[in-house]
Protein backbone atom coordinates (compact mmCIF):
# COMPACT_ATOMS: atom_id res chain seq x y z
CA MET A 1 0.00 0.00 0.00
CA SER A 2 1.63 3.20 -1.10
CA ASP A 3 1.36 6.62 0.43
CA SER A 4 0.37 8.15 -2.91
CA GLU A 5 -3.26 9.04 -3.31
CA PRO A 6 -5.66 8.95 -6.25
CA ILE A 7 -6.23 12.37 -7.83
CA SER A 8 -9.19 11.72 -10.10
CA PHE A 9 -12.27 12.26 -7.95
CA THR A 10 -13.23 15.92 -8.21
CA SER A 11 -11.79 19.42 -8.24
CA ALA A 12 -13.70 20.23 -5.03
CA PRO A 13 -12.22 19.38 -1.63
CA LEU A 14 -13.23 16.07 -0.13
CA PRO A 15 -15.82 16.33 2.67
CA TRP A 16 -13.31 16.11 5.52
CA GLN A 17 -11.05 18.68 3.85
CA SER A 18 -13.52 21.56 3.95
CA ALA A 19 -12.16 23.26 7.08
CA ALA A 20 -8.55 23.17 5.86
CA TRP A 21 -9.67 24.38 2.42
CA GLN A 22 -11.57 27.35 3.83
CA GLN A 23 -8.67 28.27 6.08
CA LEU A 24 -6.25 28.36 3.16
CA TYR A 25 -8.70 30.04 0.79
CA GLN A 26 -9.35 32.84 3.28
CA ARG A 27 -5.61 33.42 3.55
CA MET A 28 -5.41 33.69 -0.21
CA GLN A 29 -8.36 36.11 -0.32
CA GLY A 30 -6.73 38.26 2.33
CA GLY A 31 -3.37 38.32 0.57
CA ARG A 32 -1.84 36.25 3.36
CA LEU A 33 -1.06 33.09 1.42
CA PRO A 34 2.26 31.64 2.66
CA HIS A 35 5.10 31.19 0.21
CA ALA A 36 5.71 27.68 1.58
CA LEU A 37 3.18 25.24 3.00
CA LEU A 38 3.79 21.85 4.61
CA LEU A 39 0.66 19.75 4.18
CA TYR A 40 0.92 16.70 6.41
CA GLY A 41 -1.17 13.91 7.90
CA VAL A 42 -1.73 10.17 7.81
CA PRO A 43 -1.61 8.44 4.41
CA GLY A 44 -4.83 8.26 2.45
CA THR A 45 -6.47 11.50 3.57
CA GLY A 46 -6.17 13.06 0.12
CA LYS A 47 -3.25 15.41 0.72
CA LEU A 48 -1.99 15.31 -2.86
CA LEU A 49 -5.50 15.73 -4.21
CA PHE A 50 -6.00 18.74 -1.93
CA ALA A 51 -2.68 20.26 -2.99
CA LYS A 52 -3.41 19.86 -6.70
CA ASN A 53 -6.92 21.24 -6.38
CA PHE A 54 -5.69 24.26 -4.45
CA ALA A 55 -2.95 24.80 -7.02
CA ARG A 56 -5.66 24.84 -9.69
CA LEU A 57 -7.58 27.44 -7.67
CA ALA A 58 -4.48 29.57 -7.04
CA LEU A 59 -3.74 29.68 -10.78
CA CYS A 60 -7.34 30.14 -11.96
CA ARG A 61 -8.08 33.52 -13.61
CA ALA A 62 -11.76 33.57 -12.62
CA PRO A 63 -12.36 31.60 -9.40
CA ASP A 64 -15.97 31.11 -8.41
CA ALA A 65 -17.28 30.49 -4.87
CA GLY A 66 -13.92 29.31 -3.58
CA GLN A 67 -13.20 26.94 -6.44
CA ALA A 68 -11.45 27.10 -9.78
CA CYS A 69 -13.82 28.04 -12.60
CA GLY A 70 -12.72 25.13 -14.78
CA SER A 71 -13.18 27.07 -18.03
CA CYS A 72 -10.56 29.84 -18.19
CA PRO A 73 -7.35 29.28 -20.22
CA ALA A 74 -5.38 28.63 -17.02
CA CYS A 75 -7.83 25.92 -15.92
CA ALA A 76 -7.77 24.37 -19.38
CA GLN A 77 -3.97 24.21 -19.34
CA PHE A 78 -3.98 22.81 -15.81
CA ALA A 79 -6.44 20.08 -16.79
CA ALA A 80 -4.26 19.21 -19.78
CA GLY A 81 -1.16 19.04 -17.59
CA SER A 82 0.52 21.83 -19.51
CA HIS A 83 0.20 24.91 -17.28
CA PRO A 84 3.61 26.61 -17.51
CA ASP A 85 3.42 28.00 -13.96
CA PHE A 86 2.60 24.71 -12.25
CA HIS A 87 5.23 22.12 -11.34
CA LEU A 88 4.85 18.74 -9.67
CA VAL A 89 7.94 16.97 -8.36
CA ARG A 90 7.60 13.32 -7.37
CA VAL A 91 9.81 10.26 -7.01
CA PRO A 92 10.58 8.83 -10.48
CA GLU A 93 9.09 5.38 -11.10
CA ASP A 94 12.47 3.66 -11.11
CA LYS A 95 13.83 5.53 -8.07
CA THR A 96 13.21 5.76 -4.34
CA ILE A 97 14.23 9.38 -3.73
CA ILE A 98 13.70 12.90 -5.03
CA SER A 99 17.16 13.89 -6.24
CA VAL A 100 19.09 17.13 -6.09
CA ALA A 101 18.92 17.28 -9.91
CA GLN A 102 15.11 17.33 -9.77
CA MET A 103 15.20 20.06 -7.14
CA ARG A 104 17.63 22.18 -9.12
CA ASP A 105 15.38 21.90 -12.16
CA LEU A 106 12.44 23.06 -10.05
CA ILE A 107 14.39 25.98 -8.61
CA ALA A 108 15.38 27.06 -12.12
CA GLU A 109 11.73 26.97 -13.23
CA LEU A 110 10.59 28.98 -10.23
CA GLY A 111 13.25 31.56 -11.00
CA LEU A 112 11.57 32.39 -14.33
CA THR A 113 8.90 35.04 -14.75
CA SER A 114 5.34 33.74 -14.56
CA GLN A 115 4.08 33.17 -18.09
CA HIS A 116 0.52 34.04 -17.03
CA GLY A 117 1.58 37.06 -15.02
CA GLY A 118 0.26 35.55 -11.79
CA ARG A 119 1.38 32.97 -9.28
CA ARG A 120 3.78 30.11 -9.74
CA VAL A 121 2.89 26.95 -7.83
CA ALA A 122 4.98 23.87 -7.15
CA ILE A 123 4.15 20.68 -5.27
CA VAL A 124 6.77 18.29 -3.90
CA GLU A 125 5.32 14.89 -2.94
CA PRO A 126 6.34 13.08 -0.86
CA ALA A 127 8.61 15.81 0.45
CA ASP A 128 10.24 13.41 2.92
CA ALA A 129 11.65 11.49 -0.08
CA MET A 130 14.10 14.32 -0.81
CA ASN A 131 17.67 13.28 -0.15
CA THR A 132 19.92 15.55 1.90
CA ALA A 133 21.33 17.35 -1.11
CA ALA A 134 17.85 17.98 -2.53
CA ALA A 135 16.60 19.35 0.79
CA ASN A 136 19.62 21.63 1.07
CA ALA A 137 19.07 22.89 -2.46
CA LEU A 138 15.45 23.70 -1.67
CA LEU A 139 16.37 25.52 1.52
CA LYS A 140 17.68 28.61 -0.25
CA THR A 141 14.44 28.97 -2.21
CA LEU A 142 12.49 28.70 1.04
CA GLU A 143 14.65 31.40 2.58
CA GLU A 144 14.38 33.76 -0.41
CA PRO A 145 11.17 32.89 -2.29
CA GLY A 146 10.31 34.77 -5.42
CA ALA A 147 7.24 36.99 -5.42
CA GLY A 148 4.02 35.13 -6.14
CA THR A 149 5.54 31.71 -5.46
CA LEU A 150 3.60 29.03 -3.61
CA LEU A 151 5.54 25.91 -2.74
CA VAL A 152 3.52 23.04 -1.23
CA LEU A 153 5.39 20.19 0.45
CA VAL A 154 3.23 17.11 1.00
CA SER A 155 4.26 14.50 3.54
CA SER A 156 2.90 11.64 5.62
CA ARG A 157 6.17 11.59 7.61
CA PRO A 158 7.01 15.25 8.33
CA ALA A 159 9.43 14.28 11.12
CA ARG A 160 11.73 12.89 8.44
CA LEU A 161 12.13 16.36 6.95
CA PRO A 162 15.02 18.50 8.20
CA ALA A 163 14.01 20.95 10.92
CA THR A 164 15.35 23.76 8.74
CA ILE A 165 12.79 22.87 6.08
CA ARG A 166 9.86 22.48 8.48
CA SER A 167 10.58 25.77 10.24
CA ARG A 168 10.32 27.72 6.98
CA CYS A 169 6.88 26.39 6.09
CA GLN A 170 3.44 27.08 7.44
CA LEU A 171 2.02 23.82 8.70
CA LEU A 172 -1.40 22.57 7.65
CA ARG A 173 -2.49 19.24 9.08
CA MET A 174 -4.87 17.08 7.07
CA LEU A 175 -6.95 15.26 9.65
CA PRO A 176 -8.64 11.96 8.75
CA PRO A 177 -12.43 11.96 8.92
CA ALA A 178 -14.41 10.37 11.71
CA ARG A 179 -14.91 6.67 11.11
CA GLY A 180 -18.61 7.07 10.30
CA GLN A 181 -18.01 9.87 7.79
CA ALA A 182 -15.22 7.86 6.16
CA ALA A 183 -17.39 4.74 5.87
CA ASP A 184 -20.29 6.75 4.39
CA TRP A 185 -17.98 8.29 1.79
CA LEU A 186 -16.45 4.92 0.93
CA ASN A 187 -19.87 3.31 0.53
CA ARG A 188 -20.75 6.02 -1.99
CA GLN A 189 -17.73 4.92 -4.00
CA LYS A 190 -18.46 1.21 -3.67
CA GLN A 191 -20.64 -0.83 -1.32
CA ARG A 192 -18.55 -3.15 0.86
CA PRO A 193 -19.37 -4.60 4.29
CA ASP A 194 -15.71 -4.63 5.35
CA TRP A 195 -14.97 -0.90 5.06
CA PRO A 196 -14.54 -0.52 8.86
CA VAL A 197 -11.87 -3.24 8.83
CA LEU A 198 -10.09 -1.81 5.79
CA LEU A 199 -10.19 1.67 7.32
CA GLY A 200 -8.60 0.35 10.48
CA VAL A 201 -5.85 -1.44 8.57
CA ALA A 202 -5.25 1.69 6.50
CA GLY A 203 -4.87 3.87 9.58
CA GLY A 204 -8.08 5.82 9.02
CA GLY A 205 -7.30 7.28 5.60
CA PRO A 206 -10.29 6.72 3.26
CA LEU A 207 -8.26 6.88 0.07
CA ALA A 208 -5.77 4.40 1.54
CA ALA A 209 -8.69 2.11 2.42
CA LEU A 210 -9.97 2.45 -1.15
CA GLU A 211 -6.55 1.54 -2.51
CA LEU A 212 -6.36 -1.39 -0.10
CA ALA A 213 -9.77 -2.67 -1.23
CA GLU A 214 -8.58 -2.71 -4.83
CA SER A 215 -5.43 -4.66 -3.98
CA PRO A 216 -5.40 -8.46 -4.45
CA GLN A 217 -3.62 -8.65 -1.10
CA ALA A 218 -6.69 -7.33 0.71
CA GLY A 219 -8.47 -10.59 -0.10
CA ARG A 220 -5.57 -12.50 1.43
CA ARG A 221 -5.64 -10.59 4.72
CA LEU A 222 -7.00 -13.52 6.76
CA GLU A 223 -4.67 -15.90 4.91
CA LEU A 224 -1.71 -13.79 6.02
CA PHE A 225 -2.99 -13.77 9.61
CA GLU A 226 -3.38 -17.54 9.54
CA ALA A 227 0.21 -17.85 8.33
CA LEU A 228 1.36 -15.70 11.28
CA ALA A 229 -0.56 -17.95 13.66
CA GLU A 230 1.03 -21.05 12.13
CA VAL A 231 4.53 -19.57 12.41
CA ARG A 232 3.88 -18.68 16.04
CA ALA A 233 2.60 -22.21 16.76
CA GLY A 234 5.65 -23.80 15.11
CA ARG A 235 3.64 -25.36 12.31
CA ARG A 236 5.30 -23.25 9.64
CA ASN A 237 8.93 -22.34 9.11
CA PRO A 238 9.48 -18.55 9.35
CA LEU A 239 12.17 -18.52 6.67
CA ALA A 240 9.95 -20.44 4.25
CA CYS A 241 7.07 -18.11 5.06
CA ALA A 242 9.25 -15.05 4.38
CA LYS A 243 10.34 -16.52 1.05
CA ASP A 244 6.73 -17.25 0.13
CA TRP A 245 5.57 -13.72 1.05
CA SER A 246 8.49 -12.13 -0.75
CA ALA A 247 7.58 -13.98 -3.94
CA LYS A 248 3.78 -13.70 -3.74
CA GLU A 249 3.00 -10.42 -1.97
CA ASN A 250 4.13 -7.77 -4.45
CA ASP A 251 3.41 -4.85 -2.11
CA LEU A 252 5.90 -5.00 0.76
CA LEU A 253 4.44 -1.94 2.44
CA LEU A 254 0.95 -3.44 2.49
CA THR A 255 2.28 -6.71 3.89
CA LEU A 256 3.99 -4.80 6.69
CA ARG A 257 0.86 -2.71 7.32
CA LEU A 258 -1.17 -5.90 7.72
CA PHE A 259 1.47 -7.31 10.09
CA GLN A 260 1.26 -4.01 12.03
CA SER A 261 -2.52 -4.27 12.20
CA TRP A 262 -2.27 -7.84 13.51
CA THR A 263 0.29 -6.83 16.14
CA MET A 264 -1.70 -3.80 17.29
CA ASP A 265 -4.80 -5.97 17.64
CA LEU A 266 -2.86 -8.40 19.83
CA ILE A 267 -1.73 -5.46 21.97
CA ARG A 268 -5.35 -4.28 22.27
CA LEU A 269 -6.44 -7.79 23.23
CA GLU A 270 -3.71 -8.14 25.86
CA SER A 271 -4.42 -4.63 27.19
CA GLY A 272 -8.09 -5.36 27.74
CA THR A 273 -9.42 -3.14 24.94
CA ALA A 274 -10.80 -5.87 22.68
CA GLU A 275 -13.70 -3.64 21.64
CA SER A 276 -11.28 -1.50 19.63
CA ILE A 277 -9.78 -4.42 17.70
CA VAL A 278 -9.73 -3.69 13.97
CA ASN A 279 -9.73 -7.22 12.59
CA GLN A 280 -12.83 -8.41 14.42
CA ASP A 281 -13.33 -11.18 11.88
CA ALA A 282 -10.02 -12.67 13.04
CA MET A 283 -10.91 -12.61 16.75
CA PRO A 284 -10.75 -16.41 17.39
CA LEU A 285 -7.34 -16.54 15.71
CA LEU A 286 -6.13 -13.54 17.72
CA GLN A 287 -7.30 -15.06 21.00
CA THR A 288 -5.52 -18.34 20.29
CA THR A 289 -2.33 -16.62 19.17
CA ALA A 290 -2.23 -14.24 22.15
CA GLN A 291 -1.76 -17.06 24.64
CA GLY A 292 1.67 -16.82 26.24
CA ILE A 293 2.76 -13.65 24.41
CA HIS A 294 4.37 -10.98 26.56
CA LEU A 295 3.03 -7.47 26.07
CA ARG A 296 6.55 -6.04 26.09
CA GLY A 297 7.49 -8.30 23.23
CA LEU A 298 4.51 -7.13 21.21
CA HIS A 299 5.45 -3.49 21.74
CA GLY A 300 9.00 -4.30 20.70
CA LEU A 301 7.79 -6.06 17.55
CA LEU A 302 5.53 -3.11 16.72
CA SER A 303 8.52 -0.77 17.03
CA ARG A 304 10.48 -2.94 14.59
CA LEU A 305 7.53 -3.07 12.21
CA ASN A 306 7.35 0.74 12.32
CA ASP A 307 11.04 0.88 11.40
CA ALA A 308 10.46 -1.63 8.59
CA VAL A 309 7.58 0.44 7.20
CA ALA A 310 9.89 3.48 7.12
CA VAL A 311 12.35 1.69 4.80
CA ALA A 312 9.83 -0.31 2.75
CA GLY A 313 10.05 2.12 -0.16
CA THR A 314 13.84 1.92 -0.38
CA SER A 315 16.11 -0.67 -1.95
CA VAL A 316 15.96 -2.83 1.19
CA ASN A 317 16.18 -6.61 0.69
CA ARG A 318 12.53 -7.51 1.22
CA GLN A 319 13.12 -11.20 1.93
CA LEU A 320 15.79 -10.52 4.57
CA LEU A 321 13.56 -7.88 6.16
CA LEU A 322 10.63 -10.29 6.38
CA GLU A 323 12.88 -13.09 7.62
CA SER A 324 14.15 -11.01 10.53
CA LEU A 325 10.62 -10.06 11.59
CA LEU A 326 9.18 -13.57 11.23
CA VAL A 327 12.09 -15.23 13.05
CA GLU A 328 11.52 -12.90 16.01
CA TRP A 329 7.80 -13.69 15.84
CA ALA A 330 8.45 -17.45 15.71
CA ASP A 331 10.91 -17.21 18.60
CA GLY A 332 8.17 -15.95 20.86
CA LEU A 333 9.46 -12.36 20.75
CA LYS A 334 12.13 -13.24 23.33
CA THR A 335 14.71 -10.95 21.76
CA VAL A 336 12.42 -7.95 21.37
CA ALA A 337 10.90 -8.55 24.82
CA ALA A 338 14.36 -8.06 26.32
CA ALA A 339 15.16 -4.96 24.25
CA PRO A 340 15.29 -1.61 26.12
CA LEU A 341 12.73 -0.07 23.74
CA ALA A 342 10.35 -2.95 24.29
CA ALA A 343 10.62 -2.59 28.04
CA ARG A 344 8.85 0.75 27.80
CA GLY A 345 5.80 -0.99 26.38
CA GLY A 346 4.52 -2.26 29.71
């Protein structure tokens, strides 16, 4: 499951984005639009969609009722992907980072005079994918922005950005919707009885839940949980399981997210908060698996899973990563239970 979000729904803000949209639009109306904005929040809340829609509004020549008109020449160029004053910088398909070369190209573009005589808007997504050289190159532009420049950094992991970058941006947090609002919106896209489960696995982001629902791996969620139970019970070899997952599960991040969801549910079960368990349809399996597991070990495993998620989009060896996690799981979490970080878990 990637952190990228679909951008094809509508040019209007999504229902849970209305407050953030109005806040930013009022700043623009009052001439108080920041030159740099850091839009952050959990994956799947529509941050990229929001950023692109606001860029369209900021460049529109005849905005109407807080939205781009959709018919002026600027809107037509934006829709065609050819607006000369709009720039979108993302990780290339065959790469894992945003490079300094990409950032230098962007800086050169922003240094040119606006071809429409208005604003110039650039989006960097995910901004936390910039390498150190790219972030340093961007810093000078943040310190001395050109007039009429709006630079929007989009990130689900803002803590990974240098403090020098964060401190030069106005922060705008994209909150996920309440569970009921998210489920209602998802059911309008497609009727599914398991939206609450998928939302929980996705961390509350509706667009992430939608992406998860469309993934073949979503249908194998319970199969993956059963494999974890078998590894824990000693009925399945962890190394063979890691090899099988590495070959069959093409989305490493989603596999790790599901493992996270399983682990967090075990923590909820052991902590006496079973009513908040996400994977309710796996409750009997969770109850059986939880027997004899130390809560400290589960917290330690969750910490390692969080670290694994952070590197899932890099060139990490996926099989070795899964092997290390599954061996710890098969070993009864003895190593992670003894770790100093795990000891803080309870």
